[in-house]
């Protein structure tokens, strides 16, 4: 910031105030929306979110493969828990598996690579 004199002080304070307001707006936009992250979905919304059929989702619920809440007769799915569930099902790539071994083992067949 350039040096200023006493007569310029009101203008400098105004410009600083405007910049602080801009920074506040940027920070508010960057903050995650808490109410949408932990939003509860019904069966149709959860199926659309996961891009599966409702019947497929019901079968996953009956096999207890997916996180669900059932207070009464209706099923509710937490958007956050569904995100975590999808992420937890990630399979390792062959490079990730090889890096775990540190290149010390020689893999003789593909079937051993994925066990």
N, C-alpha and C. Protein backbone atom coordinates (compact mmCIF):
# COMPACT_ATOMS: atom_id res chain seq x y z
N UNK A 1 0.85 -1.17 0.00
CA UNK A 1 0.00 0.00 0.00
C UNK A 1 0.90 1.24 0.00
N UNK A 2 0.53 2.22 -0.82
CA UNK A 2 1.32 3.45 -0.94
C UNK A 2 1.12 4.34 0.28
N UNK A 3 2.12 5.13 0.57
CA UNK A 3 1.96 6.07 1.69
C UNK A 3 0.85 7.08 1.40
N UNK A 4 0.18 7.53 2.42
CA UNK A 4 -0.91 8.49 2.25
C UNK A 4 -0.82 9.55 3.35
N UNK A 5 -1.48 10.67 3.09
CA UNK A 5 -1.46 11.73 4.09
C UNK A 5 -2.78 11.77 4.84
N UNK A 6 -2.87 12.64 5.79
CA UNK A 6 -4.04 12.71 6.66
C UNK A 6 -5.32 13.03 5.88
N UNK A 7 -5.23 13.86 4.85
CA UNK A 7 -6.41 14.24 4.05
C UNK A 7 -6.97 13.07 3.25
N UNK A 8 -6.13 12.12 2.92
CA UNK A 8 -6.56 10.95 2.15
C UNK A 8 -7.10 9.83 3.03
N UNK A 9 -7.02 9.98 4.32
CA UNK A 9 -7.40 8.93 5.26
C UNK A 9 -8.83 8.42 5.06
N UNK A 10 -9.85 9.27 4.89
CA UNK A 10 -11.21 8.74 4.68
C UNK A 10 -11.32 7.85 3.44
N UNK A 11 -10.65 8.23 2.36
CA UNK A 11 -10.69 7.43 1.14
C UNK A 11 -9.98 6.09 1.33
N UNK A 12 -8.86 6.10 2.03
CA UNK A 12 -8.12 4.87 2.30
C UNK A 12 -8.94 3.92 3.16
N UNK A 13 -9.60 4.44 4.17
CA UNK A 13 -10.44 3.61 5.04
C UNK A 13 -11.60 3.02 4.25
N UNK A 14 -12.19 3.81 3.36
CA UNK A 14 -13.30 3.31 2.53
C UNK A 14 -12.83 2.16 1.65
N UNK A 15 -11.65 2.33 1.00
CA UNK A 15 -11.13 1.27 0.13
C UNK A 15 -10.80 0.01 0.93
N UNK A 16 -10.26 0.17 2.11
CA UNK A 16 -9.98 -0.99 2.96
C UNK A 16 -11.26 -1.71 3.36
N UNK A 17 -12.28 -0.94 3.70
CA UNK A 17 -13.56 -1.53 4.07
C UNK A 17 -14.15 -2.32 2.90
N UNK A 18 -14.07 -1.78 1.68
CA UNK A 18 -14.58 -2.48 0.50
C UNK A 18 -13.82 -3.78 0.26
N UNK A 19 -12.51 -3.73 0.44
CA UNK A 19 -11.72 -4.95 0.24
C UNK A 19 -12.04 -6.01 1.29
N UNK A 20 -12.25 -5.60 2.52
CA UNK A 20 -12.63 -6.54 3.57
C UNK A 20 -13.98 -7.18 3.25
N UNK A 21 -14.92 -6.40 2.75
CA UNK A 21 -16.23 -6.95 2.36
C UNK A 21 -16.08 -7.97 1.24
N UNK A 22 -15.23 -7.68 0.27
CA UNK A 22 -15.00 -8.63 -0.83
C UNK A 22 -14.39 -9.93 -0.31
N UNK A 23 -13.46 -9.81 0.62
CA UNK A 23 -12.84 -11.01 1.19
C UNK A 23 -13.88 -11.82 1.96
N UNK A 24 -14.74 -11.17 2.71
CA UNK A 24 -15.80 -11.88 3.45
C UNK A 24 -16.72 -12.62 2.50
N UNK A 25 -17.09 -12.00 1.39
CA UNK A 25 -17.95 -12.67 0.41
C UNK A 25 -17.26 -13.88 -0.19
N UNK A 26 -15.99 -13.76 -0.51
CA UNK A 26 -15.25 -14.90 -1.05
C UNK A 26 -15.18 -16.05 -0.05
N UNK A 27 -14.94 -15.73 1.21
CA UNK A 27 -14.88 -16.77 2.24
C UNK A 27 -16.23 -17.46 2.43
N UNK A 28 -17.30 -16.70 2.38
CA UNK A 28 -18.63 -17.30 2.51
C UNK A 28 -18.93 -18.25 1.36
N UNK A 29 -18.47 -17.91 0.17
CA UNK A 29 -18.69 -18.80 -0.98
C UNK A 29 -17.86 -20.07 -0.88
N UNK A 30 -16.70 -19.98 -0.24
CA UNK A 30 -15.82 -21.14 -0.13
C UNK A 30 -16.25 -22.12 0.96
N UNK A 31 -17.00 -21.67 1.93
CA UNK A 31 -17.42 -22.54 3.02
C UNK A 31 -18.41 -23.58 2.51
N UNK A 32 -18.22 -24.85 2.89
CA UNK A 32 -19.18 -25.87 2.47
C UNK A 32 -20.53 -25.65 3.13
N UNK A 33 -21.56 -25.96 2.40
CA UNK A 33 -22.91 -25.83 2.94
C UNK A 33 -23.19 -27.03 3.83
N UNK A 34 -23.33 -26.77 5.11
CA UNK A 34 -23.48 -27.85 6.09
C UNK A 34 -24.82 -28.55 5.97
N UNK A 35 -25.88 -27.81 5.68
CA UNK A 35 -27.21 -28.43 5.66
C UNK A 35 -27.39 -29.34 4.46
N UNK A 36 -26.70 -29.10 3.33
CA UNK A 36 -26.85 -29.99 2.18
C UNK A 36 -25.95 -31.21 2.30
N UNK A 37 -24.82 -31.11 3.03
CA UNK A 37 -23.94 -32.25 3.17
C UNK A 37 -24.58 -33.38 3.96
N UNK A 38 -25.32 -33.03 5.00
CA UNK A 38 -25.93 -34.06 5.82
C UNK A 38 -27.43 -34.17 5.53
N UNK A 39 -27.78 -33.94 4.31
CA UNK A 39 -29.18 -33.99 3.89
C UNK A 39 -29.63 -35.46 3.83
N UNK A 40 -30.88 -35.70 4.23
CA UNK A 40 -31.42 -37.05 4.15
C UNK A 40 -32.23 -37.20 2.87
N UNK A 41 -32.07 -38.35 2.24
CA UNK A 41 -32.73 -38.64 0.97
C UNK A 41 -33.72 -39.78 1.16
N UNK A 42 -34.82 -39.73 0.42
CA UNK A 42 -35.73 -40.87 0.43
C UNK A 42 -35.23 -41.90 -0.58
N UNK A 43 -35.95 -42.98 -0.75
CA UNK A 43 -35.49 -44.08 -1.59
C UNK A 43 -35.31 -43.66 -3.05
N UNK A 44 -36.23 -42.84 -3.57
CA UNK A 44 -36.13 -42.40 -4.96
C UNK A 44 -34.96 -41.44 -5.17
N UNK A 45 -34.77 -40.52 -4.21
CA UNK A 45 -33.66 -39.58 -4.31
C UNK A 45 -32.31 -40.29 -4.18
N UNK A 46 -32.24 -41.27 -3.28
CA UNK A 46 -31.00 -42.02 -3.09
C UNK A 46 -30.68 -42.85 -4.33
N UNK A 47 -31.69 -43.44 -4.94
CA UNK A 47 -31.48 -44.21 -6.16
C UNK A 47 -30.98 -43.30 -7.28
N UNK A 48 -31.57 -42.12 -7.40
CA UNK A 48 -31.12 -41.16 -8.42
C UNK A 48 -29.70 -40.69 -8.12
N UNK A 49 -29.40 -40.45 -6.86
CA UNK A 49 -28.07 -40.01 -6.46
C UNK A 49 -27.02 -41.05 -6.80
N UNK A 50 -27.32 -42.33 -6.55
CA UNK A 50 -26.38 -43.42 -6.81
C UNK A 50 -26.45 -43.93 -8.24
N UNK A 51 -27.46 -43.46 -9.00
CA UNK A 51 -27.66 -43.88 -10.39
C UNK A 51 -27.91 -45.39 -10.49
N UNK A 52 -28.77 -45.87 -9.60
CA UNK A 52 -29.20 -47.27 -9.63
C UNK A 52 -30.73 -47.28 -9.59
N UNK A 53 -31.30 -48.42 -9.87
CA UNK A 53 -32.76 -48.52 -9.81
C UNK A 53 -33.21 -48.61 -8.35
N UNK A 54 -34.48 -48.30 -8.13
CA UNK A 54 -35.05 -48.39 -6.78
C UNK A 54 -35.02 -49.84 -6.32
N UNK A 55 -35.33 -50.77 -7.23
CA UNK A 55 -35.31 -52.19 -6.87
C UNK A 55 -33.92 -52.64 -6.45
N UNK A 56 -32.91 -52.18 -7.15
CA UNK A 56 -31.53 -52.52 -6.79
C UNK A 56 -31.18 -51.96 -5.42
N UNK A 57 -31.64 -50.75 -5.14
CA UNK A 57 -31.37 -50.15 -3.84
C UNK A 57 -32.08 -50.91 -2.71
N UNK A 58 -33.33 -51.31 -2.95
CA UNK A 58 -34.05 -52.12 -1.95
C UNK A 58 -33.30 -53.43 -1.67
N UNK A 59 -32.74 -54.05 -2.71
CA UNK A 59 -32.03 -55.32 -2.49
C UNK A 59 -30.75 -55.08 -1.69
N UNK A 60 -30.06 -53.97 -1.92
CA UNK A 60 -28.87 -53.65 -1.14
C UNK A 60 -29.23 -53.39 0.32
N UNK A 61 -30.38 -52.77 0.55
CA UNK A 61 -30.85 -52.53 1.92
C UNK A 61 -31.16 -53.85 2.60
N UNK A 62 -31.85 -54.74 1.90
CA UNK A 62 -32.23 -56.02 2.52
C UNK A 62 -31.02 -56.89 2.83
N UNK A 63 -29.95 -56.74 2.03
CA UNK A 63 -28.72 -57.50 2.29
C UNK A 63 -27.78 -56.75 3.23
N UNK A 64 -28.23 -55.59 3.74
CA UNK A 64 -27.46 -54.76 4.67
C UNK A 64 -26.10 -54.37 4.08
N UNK A 65 -26.11 -54.01 2.79
CA UNK A 65 -24.89 -53.61 2.11
C UNK A 65 -24.69 -52.10 2.11
N UNK A 66 -25.73 -51.36 2.45
CA UNK A 66 -25.69 -49.91 2.31
C UNK A 66 -26.19 -49.26 3.60
N UNK A 67 -25.61 -48.14 4.01
CA UNK A 67 -26.07 -47.48 5.24
C UNK A 67 -27.46 -46.85 5.06
N UNK A 68 -28.35 -47.15 5.99
CA UNK A 68 -29.73 -46.67 5.89
C UNK A 68 -30.30 -46.47 7.29
N UNK A 69 -31.25 -45.55 7.40
CA UNK A 69 -31.99 -45.37 8.65
C UNK A 69 -33.45 -45.68 8.37
N UNK A 70 -34.09 -46.33 9.34
CA UNK A 70 -35.49 -46.71 9.15
C UNK A 70 -36.28 -46.41 10.42
N UNK A 71 -36.61 -45.12 10.63
CA UNK A 71 -37.45 -44.80 11.79
C UNK A 71 -38.92 -44.97 11.42
N UNK A 72 -39.44 -46.15 11.64
CA UNK A 72 -40.81 -46.43 11.23
C UNK A 72 -40.82 -47.27 9.96
N UNK A 73 -41.65 -46.87 8.99
CA UNK A 73 -41.78 -47.66 7.77
C UNK A 73 -40.97 -47.12 6.60
N UNK A 74 -40.45 -45.92 6.72
CA UNK A 74 -39.74 -45.30 5.60
C UNK A 74 -38.23 -45.43 5.74
N UNK A 75 -37.57 -45.47 4.59
CA UNK A 75 -36.11 -45.54 4.55
C UNK A 75 -35.54 -44.15 4.28
N UNK A 76 -34.48 -43.80 5.01
CA UNK A 76 -33.79 -42.53 4.81
C UNK A 76 -32.30 -42.80 4.66
N UNK A 77 -31.69 -42.10 3.72
CA UNK A 77 -30.28 -42.25 3.44
C UNK A 77 -29.58 -40.91 3.65
N UNK A 78 -28.49 -40.92 4.39
CA UNK A 78 -27.70 -39.71 4.58
C UNK A 78 -26.81 -39.52 3.36
N UNK A 79 -26.84 -38.33 2.78
CA UNK A 79 -26.01 -38.05 1.60
C UNK A 79 -24.53 -38.25 1.94
N UNK A 80 -24.12 -37.82 3.13
CA UNK A 80 -22.72 -37.96 3.55
C UNK A 80 -22.34 -39.43 3.67
N UNK A 81 -23.20 -40.24 4.28
CA UNK A 81 -22.90 -41.67 4.42
C UNK A 81 -22.87 -42.36 3.06
N UNK A 82 -23.72 -41.94 2.13
CA UNK A 82 -23.69 -42.54 0.80
C UNK A 82 -22.39 -42.19 0.08
N UNK A 83 -21.91 -40.95 0.25
CA UNK A 83 -20.61 -40.58 -0.32
C UNK A 83 -19.51 -41.47 0.23
N UNK A 84 -19.49 -41.63 1.55
CA UNK A 84 -18.47 -42.46 2.20
C UNK A 84 -18.58 -43.92 1.75
N UNK A 85 -19.79 -44.41 1.60
CA UNK A 85 -20.00 -45.79 1.17
C UNK A 85 -19.45 -46.01 -0.23
N UNK A 86 -19.71 -45.07 -1.12
CA UNK A 86 -19.20 -45.18 -2.49
C UNK A 86 -17.67 -45.13 -2.48
N UNK A 87 -17.11 -44.22 -1.71
CA UNK A 87 -15.65 -44.09 -1.66
C UNK A 87 -14.99 -45.32 -1.04
N UNK A 88 -15.65 -45.94 -0.08
CA UNK A 88 -15.05 -47.10 0.59
C UNK A 88 -14.99 -48.32 -0.33
N UNK A 89 -15.76 -48.32 -1.39
CA UNK A 89 -15.77 -49.46 -2.31
C UNK A 89 -14.73 -49.36 -3.40
N UNK A 90 -13.84 -48.38 -3.32
CA UNK A 90 -12.82 -48.20 -4.35
C UNK A 90 -11.85 -49.37 -4.33
N UNK A 91 -11.61 -49.93 -5.50
CA UNK A 91 -10.65 -51.01 -5.61
C UNK A 91 -9.28 -50.44 -5.93
N UNK A 92 -8.26 -51.08 -5.44
CA UNK A 92 -6.91 -50.62 -5.67
C UNK A 92 -6.48 -50.92 -7.09
N UNK A 93 -5.68 -50.02 -7.65
CA UNK A 93 -5.13 -50.26 -8.98
C UNK A 93 -3.94 -51.19 -8.83
N UNK A 94 -3.50 -51.74 -9.95
CA UNK A 94 -2.36 -52.67 -9.89
C UNK A 94 -1.10 -51.94 -9.41
N UNK A 95 -0.96 -50.66 -9.76
CA UNK A 95 0.20 -49.91 -9.28
C UNK A 95 0.16 -49.71 -7.77
N UNK A 96 -1.03 -49.47 -7.21
CA UNK A 96 -1.15 -49.33 -5.76
C UNK A 96 -0.81 -50.64 -5.05
N UNK A 97 -1.25 -51.73 -5.62
CA UNK A 97 -0.96 -53.04 -5.03
C UNK A 97 0.53 -53.33 -5.09
N UNK A 98 1.15 -53.04 -6.24
CA UNK A 98 2.58 -53.28 -6.38
C UNK A 98 3.39 -52.38 -5.45
N UNK A 99 2.94 -51.14 -5.25
CA UNK A 99 3.68 -50.25 -4.36
C UNK A 99 3.59 -50.71 -2.91
N UNK A 100 2.50 -51.40 -2.54
CA UNK A 100 2.41 -51.95 -1.18
C UNK A 100 3.46 -53.03 -0.96
N UNK A 101 3.71 -53.81 -2.01
CA UNK A 101 4.73 -54.86 -1.90
C UNK A 101 6.13 -54.27 -1.99
N UNK A 102 6.23 -53.04 -2.43
CA UNK A 102 7.53 -52.40 -2.54
C UNK A 102 8.39 -53.00 -3.64
N UNK A 103 7.74 -53.67 -4.59
CA UNK A 103 8.49 -54.27 -5.69
C UNK A 103 9.34 -55.45 -5.26
N UNK A 104 9.14 -55.97 -4.05
CA UNK A 104 9.96 -57.06 -3.55
C UNK A 104 9.47 -58.41 -4.03
N UNK A 105 8.20 -58.51 -4.31
CA UNK A 105 7.62 -59.79 -4.72
C UNK A 105 7.44 -59.82 -6.21
N UNK A 106 7.64 -60.96 -6.78
CA UNK A 106 7.37 -61.15 -8.19
C UNK A 106 6.01 -61.82 -8.31
N UNK A 107 5.10 -61.18 -9.02
CA UNK A 107 3.75 -61.72 -9.16
C UNK A 107 3.72 -62.55 -10.42
N UNK A 108 3.31 -63.83 -10.27
CA UNK A 108 3.37 -64.74 -11.41
C UNK A 108 2.07 -64.81 -12.19
N UNK A 109 0.94 -64.44 -11.56
CA UNK A 109 -0.32 -64.48 -12.31
C UNK A 109 -1.18 -63.30 -11.90
N UNK A 110 -2.14 -62.95 -12.78
CA UNK A 110 -3.03 -61.82 -12.52
C UNK A 110 -3.93 -62.11 -11.32
N UNK A 111 -4.33 -63.35 -11.12
CA UNK A 111 -5.25 -63.66 -10.03
C UNK A 111 -4.62 -63.35 -8.67
N UNK A 112 -3.30 -63.50 -8.54
CA UNK A 112 -2.63 -63.19 -7.28
C UNK A 112 -2.58 -61.68 -7.04
N UNK A 113 -2.64 -60.92 -8.14
CA UNK A 113 -2.55 -59.48 -8.03
C UNK A 113 -3.75 -58.89 -7.32
N UNK A 114 -4.92 -59.47 -7.46
CA UNK A 114 -6.15 -58.91 -6.91
C UNK A 114 -6.62 -59.60 -5.64
N UNK A 115 -5.84 -60.43 -5.03
CA UNK A 115 -6.26 -61.10 -3.80
C UNK A 115 -5.84 -60.31 -2.63
